[in-house]
Amino acid sequence: MPSGATVDYAYFLDALSSLPGPVVGIQTAQEAIIRKTLTHDGTSDVWTYDISDGSSSITNPDGSTVDETSLTHDMALPLSLGESGSFEGLTYRSSQSDKRIVERHWTHLNFRNTTTTAT
């Protein structure tokens, strides 16, 4: 980072003029970044974020994008919402400006002489 540069972050709840009731732990855990601004050498570079459950998108200062799709996961309620099989929150598709796409397949590895159940 250049000498004297500053970084400012904005979050979803910052954008609300009034909150829909008291902010509780659940809303705090679900809070997401919406913008990052890097100010340096008399100019500002801005990244914008659109993060929701199961997908996210980042727009970089040059206009390029990064999109990710993940298995359903709620940071505030980790045991109540999610895909089965302990893969909650894992990204299975990434796209960089629709030019480079990576798809992932997640699976459990079973090792010999082990058990998959808790005792």
N, C-alpha and C. Protein backbone atom coordinates (compact mmCIF):
# COMPACT_ATOMS: atom_id res chain seq x y z
N MET A 1 0.86 -1.17 0.00
CA MET A 1 0.00 0.00 0.00
C MET A 1 0.91 1.23 0.00
N PRO A 2 0.57 2.22 -0.80
CA PRO A 2 1.39 3.44 -0.88
C PRO A 2 1.45 4.16 0.47
N SER A 3 2.56 4.82 0.73
CA SER A 3 2.73 5.59 1.95
C SER A 3 1.67 6.67 2.03
N GLY A 4 1.02 6.79 3.19
CA GLY A 4 -0.01 7.81 3.38
C GLY A 4 -1.38 7.42 2.86
N ALA A 5 -1.52 6.23 2.32
CA ALA A 5 -2.81 5.78 1.80
C ALA A 5 -3.76 5.46 2.95
N THR A 6 -5.05 5.61 2.69
CA THR A 6 -6.06 5.25 3.68
C THR A 6 -7.06 4.29 3.05
N VAL A 7 -7.63 3.45 3.89
CA VAL A 7 -8.65 2.49 3.45
C VAL A 7 -9.89 2.71 4.29
N ASP A 8 -11.03 2.88 3.63
CA ASP A 8 -12.31 3.03 4.32
C ASP A 8 -13.24 1.91 3.89
N TYR A 9 -13.99 1.38 4.84
CA TYR A 9 -14.94 0.30 4.57
C TYR A 9 -16.34 0.78 4.90
N ALA A 10 -17.31 0.31 4.12
CA ALA A 10 -18.72 0.58 4.40
C ALA A 10 -19.44 -0.76 4.48
N TYR A 11 -20.39 -0.85 5.40
CA TYR A 11 -21.12 -2.09 5.63
C TYR A 11 -22.61 -1.86 5.40
N PHE A 12 -23.34 -2.96 5.17
CA PHE A 12 -24.76 -2.89 4.85
C PHE A 12 -25.56 -2.10 5.88
N LEU A 13 -25.36 -2.37 7.16
CA LEU A 13 -26.14 -1.67 8.19
C LEU A 13 -25.80 -0.18 8.24
N ASP A 14 -24.62 0.22 7.76
CA ASP A 14 -24.26 1.64 7.72
C ASP A 14 -25.19 2.41 6.79
N ALA A 15 -25.68 1.76 5.74
CA ALA A 15 -26.47 2.41 4.71
C ALA A 15 -27.92 2.65 5.13
N LEU A 16 -28.35 2.02 6.20
CA LEU A 16 -29.74 2.17 6.64
C LEU A 16 -29.87 3.45 7.46
N SER A 17 -30.89 4.27 7.14
CA SER A 17 -31.09 5.50 7.90
C SER A 17 -31.69 5.21 9.27
N SER A 18 -32.44 4.11 9.36
CA SER A 18 -32.94 3.67 10.66
C SER A 18 -32.96 2.15 10.65
N LEU A 19 -32.69 1.59 11.79
CA LEU A 19 -32.64 0.14 11.89
C LEU A 19 -34.01 -0.41 12.20
N PRO A 20 -34.35 -1.57 11.64
CA PRO A 20 -35.65 -2.18 11.89
C PRO A 20 -35.68 -2.86 13.25
N GLY A 21 -35.64 -2.07 14.31
CA GLY A 21 -35.61 -2.62 15.66
C GLY A 21 -34.17 -2.66 16.15
N PRO A 22 -33.98 -3.19 17.33
CA PRO A 22 -32.62 -3.24 17.88
C PRO A 22 -31.73 -4.20 17.09
N VAL A 23 -30.48 -3.81 16.93
CA VAL A 23 -29.53 -4.69 16.28
C VAL A 23 -29.11 -5.74 17.29
N VAL A 24 -29.29 -6.98 16.92
CA VAL A 24 -28.95 -8.08 17.82
C VAL A 24 -27.80 -8.88 17.22
N GLY A 25 -27.36 -9.87 17.96
CA GLY A 25 -26.24 -10.69 17.53
C GLY A 25 -26.43 -11.31 16.16
N ILE A 26 -27.66 -11.72 15.84
CA ILE A 26 -27.91 -12.35 14.54
C ILE A 26 -27.61 -11.38 13.41
N GLN A 27 -28.11 -10.14 13.52
CA GLN A 27 -27.86 -9.15 12.47
C GLN A 27 -26.38 -8.80 12.38
N THR A 28 -25.71 -8.76 13.51
CA THR A 28 -24.28 -8.44 13.52
C THR A 28 -23.50 -9.54 12.80
N ALA A 29 -23.85 -10.79 13.05
CA ALA A 29 -23.16 -11.91 12.40
C ALA A 29 -23.43 -11.95 10.90
N GLN A 30 -24.58 -11.43 10.47
CA GLN A 30 -24.93 -11.42 9.06
C GLN A 30 -24.44 -10.16 8.34
N GLU A 31 -23.85 -9.23 9.06
CA GLU A 31 -23.37 -7.98 8.48
C GLU A 31 -22.38 -8.26 7.36
N ALA A 32 -22.48 -7.52 6.27
CA ALA A 32 -21.59 -7.74 5.12
C ALA A 32 -21.02 -6.41 4.63
N ILE A 33 -19.80 -6.48 4.15
CA ILE A 33 -19.16 -5.31 3.56
C ILE A 33 -19.86 -4.99 2.23
N ILE A 34 -20.03 -3.69 1.93
CA ILE A 34 -20.61 -3.30 0.65
C ILE A 34 -19.65 -2.46 -0.20
N ARG A 35 -18.62 -1.88 0.46
CA ARG A 35 -17.69 -1.04 -0.31
C ARG A 35 -16.36 -0.89 0.43
N LYS A 36 -15.30 -0.88 -0.36
CA LYS A 36 -13.95 -0.59 0.16
C LYS A 36 -13.38 0.51 -0.71
N THR A 37 -12.85 1.56 -0.09
CA THR A 37 -12.25 2.68 -0.82
C THR A 37 -10.81 2.85 -0.38
N LEU A 38 -9.90 2.75 -1.33
CA LEU A 38 -8.48 2.97 -1.09
C LEU A 38 -8.13 4.33 -1.68
N THR A 39 -7.76 5.27 -0.82
CA THR A 39 -7.40 6.62 -1.27
C THR A 39 -5.89 6.76 -1.20
N HIS A 40 -5.29 7.13 -2.33
CA HIS A 40 -3.83 7.26 -2.40
C HIS A 40 -3.45 8.21 -3.54
N ASP A 41 -2.40 8.93 -3.36
CA ASP A 41 -1.83 9.79 -4.41
C ASP A 41 -2.89 10.66 -5.09
N GLY A 42 -3.85 11.18 -4.32
CA GLY A 42 -4.87 12.07 -4.87
C GLY A 42 -5.97 11.38 -5.65
N THR A 43 -6.05 10.07 -5.58
CA THR A 43 -7.10 9.33 -6.29
C THR A 43 -7.71 8.29 -5.36
N SER A 44 -8.89 7.81 -5.72
CA SER A 44 -9.56 6.78 -4.93
C SER A 44 -9.90 5.59 -5.81
N ASP A 45 -9.60 4.40 -5.31
CA ASP A 45 -9.99 3.16 -5.97
C ASP A 45 -11.10 2.54 -5.13
N VAL A 46 -12.20 2.15 -5.79
CA VAL A 46 -13.37 1.65 -5.07
C VAL A 46 -13.70 0.23 -5.52
N TRP A 47 -13.89 -0.64 -4.54
CA TRP A 47 -14.39 -1.99 -4.77
C TRP A 47 -15.80 -2.02 -4.21
N THR A 48 -16.74 -2.61 -4.93
CA THR A 48 -18.10 -2.77 -4.41
C THR A 48 -18.40 -4.25 -4.24
N TYR A 49 -19.16 -4.56 -3.21
CA TYR A 49 -19.46 -5.93 -2.84
C TYR A 49 -20.97 -6.13 -2.77
N ASP A 50 -21.44 -7.25 -3.28
CA ASP A 50 -22.84 -7.65 -3.14
C ASP A 50 -22.81 -9.08 -2.61
N ILE A 51 -22.99 -9.19 -1.30
CA ILE A 51 -22.85 -10.48 -0.64
C ILE A 51 -24.20 -10.89 -0.07
N SER A 52 -24.63 -12.09 -0.45
CA SER A 52 -25.86 -12.63 0.11
C SER A 52 -25.63 -14.11 0.38
N ASP A 53 -26.61 -14.75 0.97
CA ASP A 53 -26.48 -16.15 1.30
C ASP A 53 -26.42 -16.97 0.01
N GLY A 54 -25.31 -17.60 -0.24
CA GLY A 54 -25.17 -18.46 -1.41
C GLY A 54 -24.50 -17.82 -2.61
N SER A 55 -24.31 -16.51 -2.59
CA SER A 55 -23.63 -15.88 -3.73
C SER A 55 -22.98 -14.57 -3.30
N SER A 56 -21.97 -14.20 -4.05
CA SER A 56 -21.31 -12.91 -3.80
C SER A 56 -20.73 -12.40 -5.10
N SER A 57 -20.62 -11.08 -5.18
CA SER A 57 -20.07 -10.45 -6.37
C SER A 57 -19.22 -9.26 -5.93
N ILE A 58 -18.04 -9.15 -6.53
CA ILE A 58 -17.15 -8.03 -6.25
C ILE A 58 -16.86 -7.34 -7.56
N THR A 59 -17.02 -6.02 -7.58
CA THR A 59 -16.63 -5.23 -8.74
C THR A 59 -15.38 -4.45 -8.36
N ASN A 60 -14.32 -4.68 -9.12
CA ASN A 60 -13.02 -4.05 -8.87
C ASN A 60 -12.96 -2.65 -9.46
N PRO A 61 -11.99 -1.84 -9.06
CA PRO A 61 -11.89 -0.47 -9.58
C PRO A 61 -11.78 -0.39 -11.11
N ASP A 62 -11.22 -1.42 -11.74
CA ASP A 62 -11.09 -1.41 -13.20
C ASP A 62 -12.35 -1.91 -13.91
N GLY A 63 -13.41 -2.23 -13.16
CA GLY A 63 -14.67 -2.69 -13.74
C GLY A 63 -14.76 -4.20 -13.87
N SER A 64 -13.67 -4.92 -13.65
CA SER A 64 -13.74 -6.38 -13.71
C SER A 64 -14.52 -6.90 -12.49
N THR A 65 -15.02 -8.11 -12.60
CA THR A 65 -15.84 -8.67 -11.53
C THR A 65 -15.35 -10.04 -11.12
N VAL A 66 -15.69 -10.40 -9.90
CA VAL A 66 -15.47 -11.74 -9.38
C VAL A 66 -16.81 -12.16 -8.78
N ASP A 67 -17.35 -13.27 -9.28
CA ASP A 67 -18.62 -13.80 -8.78
C ASP A 67 -18.37 -15.18 -8.19
N GLU A 68 -18.94 -15.44 -7.03
CA GLU A 68 -18.81 -16.75 -6.42
C GLU A 68 -20.16 -17.26 -5.97
N THR A 69 -20.36 -18.56 -6.17
CA THR A 69 -21.58 -19.22 -5.73
C THR A 69 -21.17 -20.28 -4.72
N SER A 70 -21.84 -20.29 -3.59
CA SER A 70 -21.48 -21.23 -2.54
C SER A 70 -22.71 -21.96 -2.03
N LEU A 71 -22.46 -23.01 -1.28
CA LEU A 71 -23.54 -23.75 -0.66
C LEU A 71 -24.13 -22.91 0.46
N THR A 72 -25.41 -22.99 0.64
CA THR A 72 -26.13 -22.16 1.60
C THR A 72 -25.50 -22.24 2.99
N HIS A 73 -25.36 -21.06 3.60
CA HIS A 73 -24.77 -20.98 4.94
C HIS A 73 -25.18 -19.66 5.58
N ASP A 74 -25.61 -19.71 6.81
CA ASP A 74 -25.98 -18.50 7.54
C ASP A 74 -25.03 -18.37 8.73
N MET A 75 -24.19 -17.34 8.72
CA MET A 75 -23.20 -17.16 9.78
C MET A 75 -23.85 -17.02 11.15
N ALA A 76 -25.06 -16.47 11.20
CA ALA A 76 -25.71 -16.26 12.49
C ALA A 76 -26.39 -17.52 13.01
N LEU A 77 -26.83 -18.37 12.11
CA LEU A 77 -27.56 -19.58 12.50
C LEU A 77 -26.94 -20.79 11.80
N PRO A 78 -25.73 -21.14 12.13
CA PRO A 78 -25.00 -22.16 11.37
C PRO A 78 -25.63 -23.55 11.36
N LEU A 79 -26.44 -23.88 12.35
CA LEU A 79 -27.02 -25.21 12.39
C LEU A 79 -28.43 -25.26 11.84
N SER A 80 -29.02 -24.12 11.50
CA SER A 80 -30.42 -24.12 11.08
C SER A 80 -30.61 -24.02 9.58
N LEU A 81 -29.60 -23.61 8.85
CA LEU A 81 -29.75 -23.42 7.41
C LEU A 81 -28.48 -23.89 6.74
N GLY A 82 -28.63 -24.73 5.76
CA GLY A 82 -27.43 -25.17 5.06
C GLY A 82 -27.66 -26.44 4.28
N GLU A 83 -26.73 -26.71 3.41
CA GLU A 83 -26.77 -27.92 2.62
C GLU A 83 -26.36 -29.08 3.53
N SER A 84 -26.80 -30.26 3.21
CA SER A 84 -26.43 -31.40 4.02
C SER A 84 -25.00 -31.83 3.73
N GLY A 85 -24.40 -32.47 4.69
CA GLY A 85 -23.09 -33.05 4.48
C GLY A 85 -21.92 -32.19 4.92
N SER A 86 -22.13 -31.19 5.73
CA SER A 86 -21.05 -30.36 6.28
C SER A 86 -20.30 -29.53 5.24
N PHE A 87 -20.93 -29.19 4.14
CA PHE A 87 -20.27 -28.40 3.12
C PHE A 87 -20.77 -26.95 3.12
N GLU A 88 -21.52 -26.56 4.15
CA GLU A 88 -22.08 -25.23 4.23
C GLU A 88 -21.02 -24.15 4.05
N GLY A 89 -21.30 -23.19 3.19
CA GLY A 89 -20.42 -22.06 2.99
C GLY A 89 -19.29 -22.28 2.00
N LEU A 90 -19.08 -23.50 1.55
CA LEU A 90 -18.00 -23.76 0.60
C LEU A 90 -18.38 -23.26 -0.79
N THR A 91 -17.45 -22.60 -1.45
CA THR A 91 -17.68 -22.09 -2.80
C THR A 91 -17.54 -23.21 -3.81
N TYR A 92 -18.54 -23.33 -4.70
CA TYR A 92 -18.43 -24.36 -5.72
C TYR A 92 -18.30 -23.79 -7.13
N ARG A 93 -18.47 -22.49 -7.31
CA ARG A 93 -18.28 -21.89 -8.64
C ARG A 93 -17.74 -20.48 -8.49
N SER A 94 -16.64 -20.20 -9.18
CA SER A 94 -16.04 -18.87 -9.20
C SER A 94 -15.91 -18.41 -10.64
N SER A 95 -16.21 -17.15 -10.89
CA SER A 95 -16.11 -16.60 -12.23
C SER A 95 -15.42 -15.24 -12.15
N GLN A 96 -14.39 -15.07 -12.94
CA GLN A 96 -13.68 -13.79 -13.00
C GLN A 96 -14.02 -13.12 -14.32
N SER A 97 -14.93 -12.16 -14.26
CA SER A 97 -15.40 -11.40 -15.43
C SER A 97 -15.87 -12.33 -16.56
N ASP A 98 -16.42 -13.48 -16.20
CA ASP A 98 -16.90 -14.49 -17.16
C ASP A 98 -15.81 -14.95 -18.13
N LYS A 99 -14.55 -14.77 -17.76
CA LYS A 99 -13.45 -15.20 -18.61
C LYS A 99 -12.75 -16.43 -18.04
N ARG A 100 -12.68 -16.50 -16.74
CA ARG A 100 -12.07 -17.65 -16.09
C ARG A 100 -13.08 -18.19 -15.09
N ILE A 101 -13.54 -19.40 -15.32
CA ILE A 101 -14.55 -20.02 -14.46
C ILE A 101 -13.95 -21.27 -13.85
N VAL A 102 -14.09 -21.37 -12.53
CA VAL A 102 -13.61 -22.55 -11.80
C VAL A 102 -14.80 -23.16 -11.09
N GLU A 103 -15.01 -24.46 -11.32
CA GLU A 103 -16.07 -25.18 -10.62
C GLU A 103 -15.44 -26.24 -9.73
N ARG A 104 -15.95 -26.36 -8.53
CA ARG A 104 -15.40 -27.29 -7.56
C ARG A 104 -16.44 -28.33 -7.17
N HIS A 105 -15.98 -29.51 -6.88
CA HIS A 105 -16.85 -30.57 -6.37
C HIS A 105 -16.30 -30.99 -5.01
N TRP A 106 -17.10 -30.84 -3.99
CA TRP A 106 -16.67 -31.17 -2.64
C TRP A 106 -17.16 -32.56 -2.28
N THR A 107 -16.33 -33.32 -1.60
CA THR A 107 -16.71 -34.66 -1.17
C THR A 107 -16.01 -34.99 0.14
N HIS A 108 -16.60 -35.90 0.89
CA HIS A 108 -15.97 -36.37 2.12
C HIS A 108 -14.96 -37.46 1.77
N LEU A 109 -13.84 -37.44 2.44
CA LEU A 109 -12.86 -38.50 2.28
C LEU A 109 -12.96 -39.43 3.48
N ASN A 110 -13.16 -40.69 3.21
CA ASN A 110 -13.19 -41.68 4.29
C ASN A 110 -11.85 -42.39 4.31
N PHE A 111 -11.23 -42.39 5.47
CA PHE A 111 -9.94 -43.03 5.63
C PHE A 111 -10.13 -44.42 6.23
N ARG A 112 -9.28 -45.32 5.85
CA ARG A 112 -9.35 -46.69 6.33
C ARG A 112 -9.18 -46.72 7.84
N ASN A 113 -9.92 -47.59 8.48
CA ASN A 113 -9.87 -47.81 9.93
C ASN A 113 -10.30 -46.59 10.73
N THR A 114 -11.21 -45.82 10.18
CA THR A 114 -11.76 -44.67 10.92
C THR A 114 -13.28 -44.76 10.90
N THR A 115 -13.91 -43.98 11.75
CA THR A 115 -15.37 -43.93 11.79
C THR A 115 -15.82 -42.52 11.45
N THR A 116 -17.00 -42.40 10.85
CA THR A 116 -17.52 -41.08 10.52
C THR A 116 -18.57 -40.61 11.50
N THR A 117 -18.81 -41.38 12.55
CA THR A 117 -19.81 -40.99 13.54
C THR A 117 -19.12 -40.60 14.84
N ALA A 118 -19.70 -39.66 15.53
CA ALA A 118 -19.16 -39.22 16.81
C ALA A 118 -19.53 -40.22 17.89
N THR A 119 -18.67 -40.37 18.84
CA THR A 119 -18.97 -41.30 19.95
C THR A 119 -19.15 -40.55 21.23
